[in-house]
């Protein structure tokens, strides 16, 4: 059984979506949810799902050793950042090579980097007059949003779309694709390959509004 830890800084809707997707999986489970914010709503979601959750301080995160101790105690095999805003420390990257993935609410390499998260990303997309946006799921490295791309999915951006409307389209893509990609990549990178191979870097899937 692959044991996964989810990291989230806020609401935790993606974390809950992943947990529900995997709750009946015979291959893996969400064993732990962690946050850098004590009052983050993700803790309530974790309690509802009967998944243990923990809060850590910024100092514990930056040092990395205490986080590693927690992960080792819970026998964590794979890490998913689901709306998590802190840069991953070197110790954690070294302990989990190609076993930490993140989702970004835009099509990297555009609109990534330090400070580019949440509504800021969608505002930038609209202001630039982009005709599409989407999600990027990628491995995590020592730089913000620069790890190898695993998967991208796109949505159209109409000229009249507001940042809030773009965010809604992007959230749909997150809920649709992130749990499945988590499962496929966790199987592959832990040496327990699933039946379906995740497409390699550069593969893109377009989700058009109104088409099912």
N, C-alpha and C. Protein backbone atom coordinates (compact mmCIF):
# COMPACT_ATOMS: atom_id res chain seq x y z
N UNK A 1 0.84 -1.20 0.00
CA UNK A 1 0.00 0.00 0.00
C UNK A 1 0.88 1.25 0.00
N UNK A 2 0.70 2.09 -1.00
CA UNK A 2 1.43 3.35 -1.08
C UNK A 2 0.78 4.36 -0.14
N UNK A 3 1.58 4.96 0.72
CA UNK A 3 1.07 5.93 1.69
C UNK A 3 1.44 7.34 1.23
N UNK A 4 0.42 8.16 1.05
CA UNK A 4 0.59 9.50 0.50
C UNK A 4 0.32 10.55 1.57
N UNK A 5 1.14 11.60 1.58
CA UNK A 5 0.90 12.78 2.41
C UNK A 5 0.50 13.94 1.52
N UNK A 6 -0.56 14.63 1.90
CA UNK A 6 -1.01 15.83 1.20
C UNK A 6 -0.63 17.06 2.01
N UNK A 7 -0.08 18.06 1.34
CA UNK A 7 0.23 19.34 1.97
C UNK A 7 -0.69 20.41 1.39
N UNK A 8 -1.33 21.20 2.25
CA UNK A 8 -2.22 22.26 1.80
C UNK A 8 -2.11 23.45 2.76
N UNK A 9 -2.28 24.65 2.22
CA UNK A 9 -2.17 25.86 3.05
C UNK A 9 -3.50 26.50 3.37
N UNK A 10 -4.57 26.09 2.69
CA UNK A 10 -5.82 26.82 2.87
C UNK A 10 -7.05 25.95 2.88
N UNK A 11 -7.94 26.20 1.92
CA UNK A 11 -9.25 25.57 1.88
C UNK A 11 -9.19 24.05 1.79
N UNK A 12 -8.32 23.55 0.94
CA UNK A 12 -8.12 22.10 0.86
C UNK A 12 -9.10 21.36 -0.03
N UNK A 13 -9.74 22.06 -0.97
CA UNK A 13 -10.71 21.38 -1.84
C UNK A 13 -10.04 20.33 -2.72
N UNK A 14 -8.85 20.64 -3.23
CA UNK A 14 -8.13 19.64 -4.03
C UNK A 14 -7.71 18.46 -3.17
N UNK A 15 -7.29 18.74 -1.96
CA UNK A 15 -6.88 17.66 -1.05
C UNK A 15 -8.05 16.71 -0.79
N UNK A 16 -9.23 17.28 -0.53
CA UNK A 16 -10.40 16.43 -0.29
C UNK A 16 -10.77 15.65 -1.54
N UNK A 17 -10.69 16.28 -2.69
CA UNK A 17 -11.04 15.61 -3.94
C UNK A 17 -10.13 14.41 -4.19
N UNK A 18 -8.84 14.58 -3.94
CA UNK A 18 -7.89 13.48 -4.10
C UNK A 18 -8.18 12.37 -3.10
N UNK A 19 -8.42 12.75 -1.86
CA UNK A 19 -8.69 11.75 -0.82
C UNK A 19 -9.93 10.93 -1.15
N UNK A 20 -10.97 11.58 -1.63
CA UNK A 20 -12.19 10.85 -1.97
C UNK A 20 -11.97 9.94 -3.18
N UNK A 21 -11.19 10.41 -4.13
CA UNK A 21 -10.90 9.60 -5.31
C UNK A 21 -10.17 8.31 -4.94
N UNK A 22 -9.29 8.39 -3.94
CA UNK A 22 -8.46 7.25 -3.57
C UNK A 22 -9.00 6.43 -2.40
N UNK A 23 -10.14 6.84 -1.84
CA UNK A 23 -10.56 6.22 -0.58
C UNK A 23 -10.86 4.72 -0.69
N UNK A 24 -11.20 4.26 -1.88
CA UNK A 24 -11.46 2.82 -2.05
C UNK A 24 -10.36 2.11 -2.83
N UNK A 25 -9.24 2.80 -3.02
CA UNK A 25 -8.15 2.20 -3.80
C UNK A 25 -7.44 1.11 -2.99
N UNK A 26 -7.21 -0.05 -3.60
CA UNK A 26 -6.45 -1.10 -2.92
C UNK A 26 -4.95 -0.87 -3.00
N UNK A 27 -4.54 0.15 -3.77
CA UNK A 27 -3.11 0.36 -4.03
C UNK A 27 -2.48 1.46 -3.21
N UNK A 28 -3.29 2.44 -2.77
CA UNK A 28 -2.72 3.58 -2.05
C UNK A 28 -3.77 4.23 -1.18
N UNK A 29 -3.29 5.06 -0.25
CA UNK A 29 -4.18 5.77 0.65
C UNK A 29 -3.58 7.12 1.02
N UNK A 30 -4.44 8.07 1.36
CA UNK A 30 -3.98 9.32 1.93
C UNK A 30 -3.81 9.07 3.42
N UNK A 31 -2.57 9.01 3.85
CA UNK A 31 -2.27 8.64 5.23
C UNK A 31 -2.18 9.84 6.16
N UNK A 32 -1.94 11.03 5.59
CA UNK A 32 -1.68 12.20 6.42
C UNK A 32 -1.91 13.47 5.61
N UNK A 33 -2.49 14.48 6.25
CA UNK A 33 -2.63 15.81 5.66
C UNK A 33 -1.90 16.79 6.57
N UNK A 34 -1.05 17.61 5.98
CA UNK A 34 -0.26 18.57 6.74
C UNK A 34 -0.49 19.98 6.22
N UNK A 35 -0.40 20.95 7.12
CA UNK A 35 -0.57 22.35 6.74
C UNK A 35 0.34 23.24 7.57
N UNK A 36 0.71 24.38 6.99
CA UNK A 36 1.49 25.37 7.72
C UNK A 36 0.59 26.36 8.44
N UNK A 37 -0.73 26.16 8.36
CA UNK A 37 -1.68 27.07 9.00
C UNK A 37 -2.63 26.29 9.91
N UNK A 38 -2.61 26.66 11.17
CA UNK A 38 -3.41 25.94 12.17
C UNK A 38 -4.90 26.05 11.88
N UNK A 39 -5.34 27.20 11.36
CA UNK A 39 -6.77 27.43 11.14
C UNK A 39 -7.20 27.15 9.70
N UNK A 40 -6.35 26.54 8.91
CA UNK A 40 -6.71 26.22 7.53
C UNK A 40 -7.90 25.26 7.51
N UNK A 41 -8.83 25.50 6.61
CA UNK A 41 -10.04 24.68 6.53
C UNK A 41 -9.73 23.23 6.15
N UNK A 42 -8.56 23.02 5.59
CA UNK A 42 -8.21 21.65 5.21
C UNK A 42 -8.22 20.71 6.41
N UNK A 43 -7.98 21.23 7.62
CA UNK A 43 -8.02 20.39 8.82
C UNK A 43 -9.44 19.86 9.06
N UNK A 44 -10.44 20.70 8.82
CA UNK A 44 -11.82 20.26 8.98
C UNK A 44 -12.18 19.20 7.94
N UNK A 45 -11.68 19.40 6.74
CA UNK A 45 -11.92 18.39 5.70
C UNK A 45 -11.28 17.06 6.10
N UNK A 46 -10.07 17.13 6.63
CA UNK A 46 -9.37 15.92 7.06
C UNK A 46 -10.15 15.19 8.16
N UNK A 47 -10.66 15.96 9.12
CA UNK A 47 -11.42 15.35 10.21
C UNK A 47 -12.67 14.65 9.68
N UNK A 48 -13.33 15.30 8.72
CA UNK A 48 -14.54 14.72 8.13
C UNK A 48 -14.22 13.41 7.41
N UNK A 49 -13.03 13.36 6.81
CA UNK A 49 -12.61 12.17 6.07
C UNK A 49 -11.91 11.13 6.95
N UNK A 50 -11.76 11.49 8.23
CA UNK A 50 -11.08 10.62 9.20
C UNK A 50 -9.62 10.36 8.80
N UNK A 51 -8.98 11.42 8.32
CA UNK A 51 -7.56 11.36 7.97
C UNK A 51 -6.79 12.21 8.98
N UNK A 52 -5.74 11.70 9.58
CA UNK A 52 -4.96 12.50 10.53
C UNK A 52 -4.40 13.76 9.85
N UNK A 53 -4.40 14.87 10.59
CA UNK A 53 -3.81 16.10 10.06
C UNK A 53 -2.92 16.73 11.12
N UNK A 54 -1.92 17.46 10.65
CA UNK A 54 -0.97 18.10 11.55
C UNK A 54 -0.63 19.48 11.02
N UNK A 55 -0.24 20.35 11.96
CA UNK A 55 0.24 21.69 11.61
C UNK A 55 1.70 21.80 12.00
N UNK A 56 2.47 22.49 11.19
CA UNK A 56 3.88 22.71 11.51
C UNK A 56 4.19 24.19 11.39
N UNK A 57 5.24 24.61 12.06
CA UNK A 57 5.65 26.02 12.03
C UNK A 57 6.52 26.29 10.81
N UNK A 58 6.68 27.56 10.50
CA UNK A 58 7.55 27.94 9.38
C UNK A 58 8.98 27.51 9.65
N UNK A 59 9.40 27.61 10.91
CA UNK A 59 10.76 27.21 11.28
C UNK A 59 10.97 25.71 11.07
N UNK A 60 10.00 24.92 11.46
CA UNK A 60 10.09 23.47 11.26
C UNK A 60 10.16 23.14 9.77
N UNK A 61 9.41 23.89 8.98
CA UNK A 61 9.41 23.65 7.54
C UNK A 61 10.75 24.00 6.92
N UNK A 62 11.28 25.15 7.26
CA UNK A 62 12.53 25.61 6.66
C UNK A 62 13.69 24.69 7.02
N UNK A 63 13.68 24.20 8.25
CA UNK A 63 14.74 23.28 8.67
C UNK A 63 14.59 21.92 7.98
N UNK A 64 13.37 21.45 7.90
CA UNK A 64 13.09 20.21 7.17
C UNK A 64 13.20 18.94 7.99
N UNK A 65 14.02 18.92 9.01
CA UNK A 65 14.28 17.68 9.74
C UNK A 65 13.04 17.20 10.51
N UNK A 66 12.33 18.13 11.14
CA UNK A 66 11.13 17.75 11.88
C UNK A 66 10.06 17.22 10.93
N UNK A 67 9.93 17.82 9.76
CA UNK A 67 8.96 17.35 8.78
C UNK A 67 9.32 15.94 8.33
N UNK A 68 10.60 15.72 8.07
CA UNK A 68 11.05 14.38 7.67
C UNK A 68 10.76 13.35 8.75
N UNK A 69 10.94 13.74 9.99
CA UNK A 69 10.67 12.83 11.10
C UNK A 69 9.20 12.42 11.11
N UNK A 70 8.31 13.39 10.89
CA UNK A 70 6.88 13.10 10.84
C UNK A 70 6.56 12.16 9.68
N UNK A 71 7.13 12.45 8.53
CA UNK A 71 6.87 11.62 7.34
C UNK A 71 7.39 10.20 7.52
N UNK A 72 8.55 10.07 8.15
CA UNK A 72 9.10 8.73 8.40
C UNK A 72 8.24 7.96 9.39
N UNK A 73 7.79 8.64 10.44
CA UNK A 73 6.94 7.98 11.43
C UNK A 73 5.67 7.44 10.80
N UNK A 74 5.15 8.17 9.82
CA UNK A 74 3.91 7.74 9.16
C UNK A 74 4.18 6.92 7.90
N UNK A 75 5.45 6.58 7.67
CA UNK A 75 5.84 5.72 6.55
C UNK A 75 5.32 6.24 5.21
N UNK A 76 5.53 7.52 4.98
CA UNK A 76 5.04 8.17 3.76
C UNK A 76 5.95 7.83 2.58
N UNK A 77 5.32 7.42 1.48
CA UNK A 77 6.04 7.05 0.27
C UNK A 77 6.05 8.16 -0.78
N UNK A 78 5.03 9.02 -0.75
CA UNK A 78 4.82 9.96 -1.85
C UNK A 78 4.14 11.22 -1.29
N UNK A 79 4.49 12.38 -1.86
CA UNK A 79 3.99 13.66 -1.36
C UNK A 79 3.29 14.43 -2.47
N UNK A 80 2.14 14.99 -2.13
CA UNK A 80 1.38 15.82 -3.08
C UNK A 80 1.15 17.19 -2.46
N UNK A 81 1.54 18.23 -3.18
CA UNK A 81 1.26 19.61 -2.77
C UNK A 81 -0.04 20.03 -3.45
N UNK A 82 -1.05 20.31 -2.67
CA UNK A 82 -2.38 20.64 -3.20
C UNK A 82 -2.82 21.98 -2.63
N UNK A 83 -2.37 23.05 -3.28
CA UNK A 83 -2.65 24.38 -2.75
C UNK A 83 -1.73 24.72 -1.59
N UNK A 84 -0.48 24.35 -1.73
CA UNK A 84 0.53 24.59 -0.69
C UNK A 84 1.49 25.66 -1.19
N UNK A 85 1.76 26.68 -0.35
CA UNK A 85 2.41 27.90 -0.82
C UNK A 85 3.89 28.03 -0.48
N UNK A 86 4.44 27.13 0.31
CA UNK A 86 5.83 27.29 0.74
C UNK A 86 6.78 26.53 -0.17
N UNK A 87 7.99 27.07 -0.29
CA UNK A 87 9.04 26.42 -1.07
C UNK A 87 9.55 25.19 -0.32
N UNK A 88 9.71 24.10 -1.03
CA UNK A 88 10.11 22.84 -0.40
C UNK A 88 11.60 22.87 -0.07
N UNK A 89 11.96 22.57 1.19
CA UNK A 89 13.37 22.61 1.59
C UNK A 89 14.19 21.48 0.95
N UNK A 90 15.49 21.72 0.86
CA UNK A 90 16.39 20.78 0.19
C UNK A 90 16.37 19.40 0.82
N UNK A 91 16.27 19.32 2.14
CA UNK A 91 16.27 18.02 2.81
C UNK A 91 15.10 17.15 2.36
N UNK A 92 13.96 17.78 2.18
CA UNK A 92 12.78 17.03 1.76
C UNK A 92 12.92 16.57 0.31
N UNK A 93 13.45 17.45 -0.53
CA UNK A 93 13.67 17.08 -1.94
C UNK A 93 14.63 15.91 -2.05
N UNK A 94 15.67 15.92 -1.23
CA UNK A 94 16.67 14.84 -1.27
C UNK A 94 16.09 13.52 -0.78
N UNK A 95 15.19 13.60 0.18
CA UNK A 95 14.60 12.38 0.75
C UNK A 95 13.52 11.77 -0.15
N UNK A 96 12.91 12.62 -1.00
CA UNK A 96 11.82 12.15 -1.87
C UNK A 96 12.06 12.55 -3.32
N UNK A 97 13.13 12.07 -3.93
CA UNK A 97 13.39 12.44 -5.34
C UNK A 97 12.30 11.91 -6.26
N UNK A 98 11.74 12.80 -7.08
CA UNK A 98 10.65 12.46 -8.01
C UNK A 98 9.44 11.86 -7.30
N UNK A 99 9.32 12.19 -6.03
CA UNK A 99 8.16 11.71 -5.28
C UNK A 99 7.41 12.86 -4.61
N UNK A 100 7.64 14.07 -5.12
CA UNK A 100 6.88 15.24 -4.67
C UNK A 100 6.34 15.92 -5.91
N UNK A 101 5.01 16.05 -5.99
CA UNK A 101 4.42 16.72 -7.14
C UNK A 101 3.52 17.86 -6.69
N UNK A 102 3.31 18.80 -7.60
CA UNK A 102 2.54 20.00 -7.31
C UNK A 102 1.60 20.28 -8.47
N UNK A 103 0.54 21.02 -8.21
CA UNK A 103 -0.33 21.51 -9.28
C UNK A 103 -0.28 23.02 -9.29
N UNK A 104 -0.18 23.59 -10.50
CA UNK A 104 -0.16 25.05 -10.67
C UNK A 104 -1.33 25.45 -11.55
N UNK A 105 -2.04 26.54 -11.20
CA UNK A 105 -3.26 26.91 -11.93
C UNK A 105 -3.02 27.73 -13.19
N UNK A 106 -2.05 27.35 -13.98
CA UNK A 106 -1.77 28.00 -15.26
C UNK A 106 -0.89 27.06 -16.08
N UNK A 107 -0.63 27.46 -17.31
CA UNK A 107 0.18 26.63 -18.20
C UNK A 107 1.64 27.05 -18.11
N UNK A 108 2.36 26.40 -17.24
CA UNK A 108 3.79 26.69 -17.10
C UNK A 108 4.50 26.41 -18.42
N UNK A 109 5.58 27.14 -18.73
CA UNK A 109 6.32 28.02 -17.83
C UNK A 109 5.74 29.42 -17.65
N UNK A 110 4.64 29.76 -18.32
CA UNK A 110 4.03 31.07 -18.11
C UNK A 110 3.36 31.15 -16.74
N UNK A 111 3.38 32.33 -16.18
CA UNK A 111 2.63 32.66 -14.96
C UNK A 111 2.98 31.77 -13.78
N UNK A 112 4.27 31.47 -13.66
CA UNK A 112 4.75 30.72 -12.51
C UNK A 112 5.79 31.53 -11.76
N UNK A 113 6.34 30.94 -10.73
CA UNK A 113 7.39 31.58 -9.96
C UNK A 113 6.88 32.10 -8.62
N UNK A 114 7.78 32.66 -7.86
CA UNK A 114 7.46 33.15 -6.51
C UNK A 114 6.36 34.20 -6.56
N UNK A 115 5.39 34.04 -5.72
CA UNK A 115 4.30 35.01 -5.63
C UNK A 115 3.17 34.78 -6.61
N UNK A 116 3.34 33.84 -7.54
CA UNK A 116 2.29 33.58 -8.53
C UNK A 116 1.46 32.39 -8.07
N UNK A 117 0.38 32.70 -7.39
CA UNK A 117 -0.53 31.66 -6.92
C UNK A 117 -1.95 32.22 -6.84
N UNK A 118 -2.92 31.33 -6.85
CA UNK A 118 -4.30 31.72 -6.66
C UNK A 118 -4.79 32.77 -7.65
N UNK A 119 -5.52 33.74 -7.13
CA UNK A 119 -6.14 34.76 -7.98
C UNK A 119 -5.12 35.61 -8.73
N UNK A 120 -3.92 35.72 -8.21
CA UNK A 120 -2.88 36.49 -8.90
C UNK A 120 -2.61 35.91 -10.29
N UNK A 121 -2.62 34.60 -10.36
CA UNK A 121 -2.35 33.94 -11.64
C UNK A 121 -3.46 34.24 -12.64
N UNK A 122 -4.69 34.10 -12.23
CA UNK A 122 -5.82 34.30 -13.14
C UNK A 122 -5.92 35.77 -13.57
N UNK A 123 -5.61 36.67 -12.66
CA UNK A 123 -5.59 38.10 -13.01
C UNK A 123 -4.55 38.36 -14.09
N UNK A 124 -3.38 37.78 -13.94
CA UNK A 124 -2.30 37.97 -14.92
C UNK A 124 -2.68 37.40 -16.28
N UNK A 125 -3.34 36.25 -16.28
CA UNK A 125 -3.78 35.62 -17.53
C UNK A 125 -4.75 36.53 -18.27
N UNK A 126 -5.73 37.08 -17.56
CA UNK A 126 -6.73 37.96 -18.17
C UNK A 126 -6.08 39.25 -18.67
N UNK A 127 -5.22 39.84 -17.86
CA UNK A 127 -4.58 41.10 -18.24
C UNK A 127 -3.69 40.94 -19.47
N UNK A 128 -3.14 39.75 -19.65
CA UNK A 128 -2.27 39.49 -20.81
C UNK A 128 -3.07 39.17 -22.07
N UNK A 129 -4.38 39.01 -21.93
CA UNK A 129 -5.21 38.70 -23.09
C UNK A 129 -5.02 37.29 -23.62
N UNK A 130 -4.67 36.37 -22.75
CA UNK A 130 -4.47 34.99 -23.18
C UNK A 130 -5.78 34.37 -23.68
N UNK A 131 -5.66 33.50 -24.64
CA UNK A 131 -6.83 32.82 -25.19
C UNK A 131 -7.08 31.46 -24.55
N UNK A 132 -6.13 31.02 -23.74
CA UNK A 132 -6.31 29.78 -23.00
C UNK A 132 -5.53 29.83 -21.70
N UNK A 133 -5.98 29.03 -20.77
CA UNK A 133 -5.26 28.82 -19.52
C UNK A 133 -5.40 27.34 -19.19
N UNK A 134 -5.11 26.97 -17.95
CA UNK A 134 -5.22 25.56 -17.63
C UNK A 134 -4.48 25.20 -16.36
N UNK A 135 -4.10 23.94 -16.29
CA UNK A 135 -3.36 23.44 -15.13
C UNK A 135 -2.06 22.79 -15.58
N UNK A 136 -1.09 22.82 -14.70
CA UNK A 136 0.16 22.10 -14.90
C UNK A 136 0.45 21.28 -13.65
N UNK A 137 0.63 19.99 -13.83
CA UNK A 137 1.06 19.11 -12.74
C UNK A 137 2.52 18.79 -12.99
N UNK A 138 3.37 19.02 -12.00
CA UNK A 138 4.81 18.90 -12.23
C UNK A 138 5.53 18.36 -11.00
N UNK A 139 6.70 17.78 -11.24
CA UNK A 139 7.57 17.41 -10.14
C UNK A 139 8.11 18.68 -9.49
N UNK A 140 8.41 18.58 -8.22
CA UNK A 140 8.91 19.73 -7.47
C UNK A 140 10.43 19.67 -7.39
N UNK A 141 11.08 20.80 -7.67
CA UNK A 141 12.52 20.90 -7.47
C UNK A 141 12.82 22.10 -6.58
N UNK A 142 14.07 22.57 -6.60
CA UNK A 142 14.48 23.62 -5.67
C UNK A 142 14.00 25.00 -6.07
N UNK A 143 13.37 25.14 -7.24
CA UNK A 143 12.88 26.45 -7.69
C UNK A 143 11.37 26.41 -7.88
N UNK A 144 10.73 27.53 -7.60
CA UNK A 144 9.27 27.61 -7.73
C UNK A 144 8.82 27.28 -9.16
N UNK A 145 7.97 26.29 -9.28
CA UNK A 145 7.26 25.98 -10.54
C UNK A 145 8.18 25.65 -11.71
N UNK A 146 9.37 25.15 -11.44
CA UNK A 146 10.31 24.85 -12.53
C UNK A 146 10.61 23.36 -12.66
N UNK A 147 9.96 22.53 -11.87
CA UNK A 147 10.19 21.09 -11.98
C UNK A 147 9.63 20.53 -13.28
N UNK A 148 10.09 19.35 -13.66
CA UNK A 148 9.66 18.73 -14.92
C UNK A 148 8.15 18.58 -14.98
N UNK A 149 7.58 18.98 -16.11
CA UNK A 149 6.14 18.92 -16.30
C UNK A 149 5.70 17.47 -16.53
N UNK A 150 4.67 17.07 -15.82
CA UNK A 150 4.11 15.73 -15.95
C UNK A 150 2.89 15.75 -16.87
N UNK A 151 2.05 16.76 -16.68
CA UNK A 151 0.75 16.77 -17.38
C UNK A 151 0.20 18.18 -17.42
N UNK A 152 -0.43 18.53 -18.54
CA UNK A 152 -1.14 19.80 -18.65
C UNK A 152 -2.51 19.57 -19.28
N UNK A 153 -3.48 20.34 -18.86
CA UNK A 153 -4.80 20.36 -19.47
C UNK A 153 -5.21 21.81 -19.64
N UNK A 154 -5.90 22.12 -20.72
CA UNK A 154 -6.21 23.52 -21.03
C UNK A 154 -7.70 23.79 -21.06
N UNK A 155 -8.04 25.06 -20.88
CA UNK A 155 -9.40 25.55 -21.06
C UNK A 155 -9.31 26.86 -21.84
N UNK A 156 -10.34 27.15 -22.59
CA UNK A 156 -10.37 28.40 -23.34
C UNK A 156 -10.64 29.57 -22.41
N UNK A 157 -10.08 30.72 -22.76
CA UNK A 157 -10.36 31.97 -22.06
C UNK A 157 -11.00 32.92 -23.06
N UNK A 158 -12.25 33.28 -22.83
CA UNK A 158 -12.96 34.20 -23.72
C UNK A 158 -12.55 35.63 -23.41
N UNK A 159 -12.63 36.53 -24.40
CA UNK A 159 -12.24 37.93 -24.18
C UNK A 159 -12.99 38.59 -23.03
N UNK A 160 -14.22 38.16 -22.80
CA UNK A 160 -15.03 38.79 -21.75
C UNK A 160 -14.88 38.11 -20.39
N UNK A 161 -14.10 37.06 -20.31
CA UNK A 161 -13.94 36.34 -19.04
C UNK A 161 -13.25 37.19 -17.98
N UNK A 162 -13.75 37.12 -16.77
CA UNK A 162 -13.11 37.76 -15.62
C UNK A 162 -12.12 36.79 -14.99
N UNK A 163 -11.23 37.27 -14.12
CA UNK A 163 -10.34 36.35 -13.41
C UNK A 163 -11.10 35.28 -12.63
N UNK A 164 -12.25 35.66 -12.08
CA UNK A 164 -13.06 34.70 -11.33
C UNK A 164 -13.61 33.60 -12.24
N UNK A 165 -13.98 33.98 -13.45
CA UNK A 165 -14.49 32.98 -14.39
C UNK A 165 -13.37 32.04 -14.85
N UNK A 166 -12.20 32.61 -15.09
CA UNK A 166 -11.06 31.77 -15.45
C UNK A 166 -10.74 30.80 -14.32
N UNK A 167 -10.77 31.31 -13.09
CA UNK A 167 -10.51 30.45 -11.93
C UNK A 167 -11.49 29.28 -11.87
N UNK A 168 -12.76 29.55 -12.17
CA UNK A 168 -13.77 28.48 -12.14
C UNK A 168 -13.47 27.41 -13.18
N UNK A 169 -13.06 27.84 -14.38
CA UNK A 169 -12.73 26.86 -15.43
C UNK A 169 -11.51 26.03 -15.02
N UNK A 170 -10.52 26.69 -14.44
CA UNK A 170 -9.29 26.00 -14.02
C UNK A 170 -9.59 25.02 -12.89
N UNK A 171 -10.44 25.42 -11.95
CA UNK A 171 -10.81 24.51 -10.86
C UNK A 171 -11.47 23.25 -11.39
N UNK A 172 -12.28 23.38 -12.43
CA UNK A 172 -12.90 22.21 -13.03
C UNK A 172 -11.84 21.23 -13.53
N UNK A 173 -10.80 21.78 -14.15
CA UNK A 173 -9.71 20.93 -14.65
C UNK A 173 -8.97 20.26 -13.50
N UNK A 174 -8.75 21.02 -12.42
CA UNK A 174 -8.08 20.45 -11.26
C UNK A 174 -8.85 19.25 -10.72
N UNK A 175 -10.14 19.43 -10.53
CA UNK A 175 -10.95 18.35 -9.96
C UNK A 175 -11.03 17.15 -10.90
N UNK A 176 -11.01 17.42 -12.20
CA UNK A 176 -11.15 16.36 -13.19
C UNK A 176 -9.88 15.52 -13.33
N UNK A 177 -8.72 16.16 -13.29
CA UNK A 177 -7.48 15.48 -13.67
C UNK A 177 -6.51 15.19 -12.53
N UNK A 178 -6.45 16.05 -11.52
CA UNK A 178 -5.40 15.92 -10.51
C UNK A 178 -5.42 14.57 -9.79
N UNK A 179 -6.57 14.10 -9.30
CA UNK A 179 -6.56 12.81 -8.58
C UNK A 179 -6.04 11.66 -9.43
N UNK A 180 -6.47 11.62 -10.68
CA UNK A 180 -6.03 10.53 -11.56
C UNK A 180 -4.52 10.57 -11.79
N UNK A 181 -3.99 11.77 -12.02
CA UNK A 181 -2.55 11.89 -12.26
C UNK A 181 -1.76 11.55 -11.00
N UNK A 182 -2.27 11.95 -9.84
CA UNK A 182 -1.63 11.58 -8.58
C UNK A 182 -1.49 10.06 -8.50
N UNK A 183 -2.57 9.36 -8.78
CA UNK A 183 -2.54 7.90 -8.69
C UNK A 183 -1.54 7.30 -9.67
N UNK A 184 -1.57 7.75 -10.91
CA UNK A 184 -0.69 7.18 -11.93
C UNK A 184 0.78 7.45 -11.63
N UNK A 185 1.09 8.67 -11.22
CA UNK A 185 2.49 9.01 -10.95
C UNK A 185 2.98 8.32 -9.69
N UNK A 186 2.15 8.24 -8.67
CA UNK A 186 2.55 7.54 -7.44
C UNK A 186 2.87 6.08 -7.73
N UNK A 187 2.05 5.44 -8.55
CA UNK A 187 2.31 4.05 -8.91
C UNK A 187 3.63 3.92 -9.66
N UNK A 188 3.84 4.81 -10.61
CA UNK A 188 5.03 4.72 -11.45
C UNK A 188 6.31 5.02 -10.66
N UNK A 189 6.30 6.09 -9.90
CA UNK A 189 7.53 6.54 -9.25
C UNK A 189 7.88 5.73 -8.01
N UNK A 190 6.93 5.00 -7.46
CA UNK A 190 7.25 4.11 -6.34
C UNK A 190 7.54 2.69 -6.81
N UNK A 191 7.54 2.51 -8.14
CA UNK A 191 7.86 1.21 -8.70
C UNK A 191 6.70 0.26 -8.79
N UNK A 192 5.49 0.80 -8.59
CA UNK A 192 4.29 -0.04 -8.68
C UNK A 192 3.41 0.50 -9.80
N UNK A 193 3.85 0.25 -11.02
CA UNK A 193 3.25 0.82 -12.21
C UNK A 193 1.80 0.39 -12.39
N UNK A 194 0.93 1.35 -12.70
CA UNK A 194 -0.46 1.06 -12.96
C UNK A 194 -0.65 0.57 -14.39
N UNK A 195 -1.88 0.28 -14.74
CA UNK A 195 -2.19 -0.23 -16.07
C UNK A 195 -2.06 0.85 -17.14
N UNK A 196 -2.29 2.11 -16.73
CA UNK A 196 -2.24 3.19 -17.70
C UNK A 196 -1.03 4.07 -17.41
N UNK A 197 -0.29 4.35 -18.46
CA UNK A 197 0.92 5.17 -18.34
C UNK A 197 0.56 6.64 -18.45
N UNK A 198 1.02 7.45 -17.49
CA UNK A 198 0.82 8.90 -17.61
C UNK A 198 1.62 9.42 -18.78
N UNK A 199 1.06 10.28 -19.55
CA UNK A 199 1.75 10.83 -20.70
C UNK A 199 2.94 11.66 -20.24
N UNK A 200 3.99 11.60 -21.03
CA UNK A 200 5.22 12.30 -20.68
C UNK A 200 5.13 13.79 -20.94
N UNK A 201 6.20 14.48 -20.58
CA UNK A 201 6.24 15.93 -20.69
C UNK A 201 5.85 16.40 -22.09
N UNK A 202 5.03 17.44 -22.11
CA UNK A 202 4.62 18.02 -23.37
C UNK A 202 3.27 17.55 -23.84
N UNK A 203 2.77 16.46 -23.28
CA UNK A 203 1.44 15.98 -23.67
C UNK A 203 0.41 16.92 -23.08
N UNK A 204 -0.56 17.28 -23.88
CA UNK A 204 -1.55 18.23 -23.41
C UNK A 204 -2.95 17.75 -23.79
N UNK A 205 -3.89 18.04 -22.93
CA UNK A 205 -5.27 17.63 -23.16
C UNK A 205 -6.15 18.86 -23.03
N UNK A 206 -6.99 19.11 -24.03
CA UNK A 206 -7.82 20.30 -24.02
C UNK A 206 -9.22 19.98 -23.51
N UNK A 207 -9.63 20.74 -22.54
CA UNK A 207 -10.98 20.62 -22.02
C UNK A 207 -11.74 21.87 -22.44
N UNK A 208 -12.63 21.74 -23.39
CA UNK A 208 -13.37 22.88 -23.91
C UNK A 208 -14.69 23.03 -23.14
N UNK A 209 -14.98 24.26 -22.79
CA UNK A 209 -16.23 24.50 -22.09
C UNK A 209 -17.41 24.12 -22.97
N UNK A 210 -18.35 23.42 -22.36
CA UNK A 210 -19.54 23.04 -23.08
C UNK A 210 -19.43 21.71 -23.78
N UNK A 211 -18.22 21.11 -23.82
CA UNK A 211 -18.03 19.82 -24.45
C UNK A 211 -17.77 18.77 -23.38
N UNK A 212 -18.50 17.73 -23.37
CA UNK A 212 -18.35 16.66 -22.38
C UNK A 212 -17.98 15.37 -23.07
